Amino acid sequence: MEESDTSFVESIELSQNRHITELIEYCESKDVDIAFFTAPLYHNNTDFSGFEQSLPNYHSFARSFEDATLFKDYSHLNEEG
């Protein structure tokens, strides 16, 4: 991956998503654990804190890796990553 490749997402606007709401409600009714996550992203400055507040069991791995050699492109890890 080129060192100059960077993320183009700077902010995320949260809004009610009926599909997510229905999925959460369905899982709760069936006593099924559900988890949400953001995968690792290279050179990402997006603020995902809103997800932590609005989604149950949310985990951000967006800034887990900084080494460009572990990425195929800015949003996909390669085999080593």
Protein backbone atom coordinates (compact mmCIF):
# COMPACT_ATOMS: atom_id res chain seq x y z
CA MET A 1 0.00 0.00 0.00
CA GLU A 2 1.16 3.50 -0.74
CA GLU A 3 2.03 5.55 2.35
CA SER A 4 -0.01 8.41 0.88
CA ASP A 5 -3.26 6.40 0.93
CA THR A 6 -5.52 7.81 3.62
CA SER A 7 -9.10 7.56 4.70
CA PHE A 8 -11.61 9.92 3.15
CA VAL A 9 -14.13 9.65 6.01
CA GLU A 10 -13.75 12.37 8.63
CA SER A 11 -17.06 12.25 10.43
CA ILE A 12 -20.05 10.00 10.78
CA GLU A 13 -23.52 11.36 11.32
CA LEU A 14 -25.59 9.04 13.46
CA SER A 15 -29.27 8.66 12.80
CA GLN A 16 -31.87 6.13 13.78
CA ASN A 17 -31.64 3.10 11.51
CA ARG A 18 -34.75 0.97 11.66
CA HIS A 19 -32.93 -2.10 10.35
CA ILE A 20 -30.33 -1.93 13.11
CA THR A 21 -33.06 -1.28 15.68
CA GLU A 22 -35.08 -4.28 14.45
CA LEU A 23 -31.98 -6.49 14.47
CA ILE A 24 -31.13 -5.49 18.05
CA GLU A 25 -34.72 -6.06 19.18
CA TYR A 26 -34.87 -9.44 17.45
CA CYS A 27 -31.62 -10.60 19.02
CA GLU A 28 -32.80 -9.45 22.44
CA SER A 29 -36.12 -11.32 22.03
CA LYS A 30 -34.21 -14.52 21.18
CA ASP A 31 -31.60 -13.99 23.91
CA VAL A 32 -28.84 -13.77 21.31
CA ASP A 33 -25.72 -11.71 21.96
CA ILE A 34 -24.94 -9.20 19.24
CA ALA A 35 -21.72 -7.29 18.68
CA PHE A 36 -20.89 -4.36 16.43
CA PHE A 37 -17.40 -3.31 15.39
CA THR A 38 -15.34 -1.08 13.18
CA ALA A 39 -12.56 -2.94 11.41
CA PRO A 40 -8.98 -1.61 11.36
CA LEU A 41 -8.47 1.41 9.09
CA TYR A 42 -5.19 2.94 8.00
CA HIS A 43 -4.55 6.61 8.89
CA ASN A 44 -8.08 7.11 10.11
CA ASN A 45 -9.15 10.16 12.06
CA THR A 46 -12.87 9.43 12.13
CA ASP A 47 -14.58 9.85 15.47
CA PHE A 48 -16.53 6.64 16.13
CA SER A 49 -17.48 7.57 19.71
CA GLY A 50 -21.11 8.01 18.70
CA PHE A 51 -21.30 4.32 17.93
CA GLU A 52 -20.16 3.51 21.45
CA GLN A 53 -23.10 5.49 22.79
CA SER A 54 -25.74 4.23 20.37
CA LEU A 55 -24.84 0.58 19.68
CA PRO A 56 -24.75 -2.18 22.28
CA ASN A 57 -21.52 -4.14 22.58
CA TYR A 58 -19.63 -1.91 20.11
CA HIS A 59 -15.87 -2.22 19.67
CA SER A 60 -13.65 -0.04 17.52
CA PHE A 61 -10.53 -1.57 16.01
CA ALA A 62 -10.17 1.41 13.63
CA ARG A 63 -6.83 2.48 15.10
CA SER A 64 -5.50 -0.96 16.01
CA PHE A 65 -2.71 -0.93 13.43
CA GLU A 66 -0.56 1.93 12.15
CA ASP A 67 1.93 -0.03 10.04
CA ALA A 68 1.18 0.55 6.34
CA THR A 69 2.73 -2.80 5.41
CA LEU A 70 -0.19 -4.57 7.12
CA PHE A 71 -2.79 -3.02 4.80
CA LYS A 72 -3.86 -3.86 1.26
CA ASP A 73 -5.48 -0.42 1.04
CA TYR A 74 -6.73 2.12 3.58
CA SER A 75 -9.70 -0.03 4.64
CA HIS A 76 -8.50 -3.63 4.17
CA LEU A 77 -5.78 -5.55 5.95
CA ASN A 78 -3.53 -7.77 3.83
CA GLU A 79 -2.60 -11.37 4.67
CA GLU A 80 -0.01 -10.29 7.25
CA GLY A 81 -2.45 -7.88 8.88
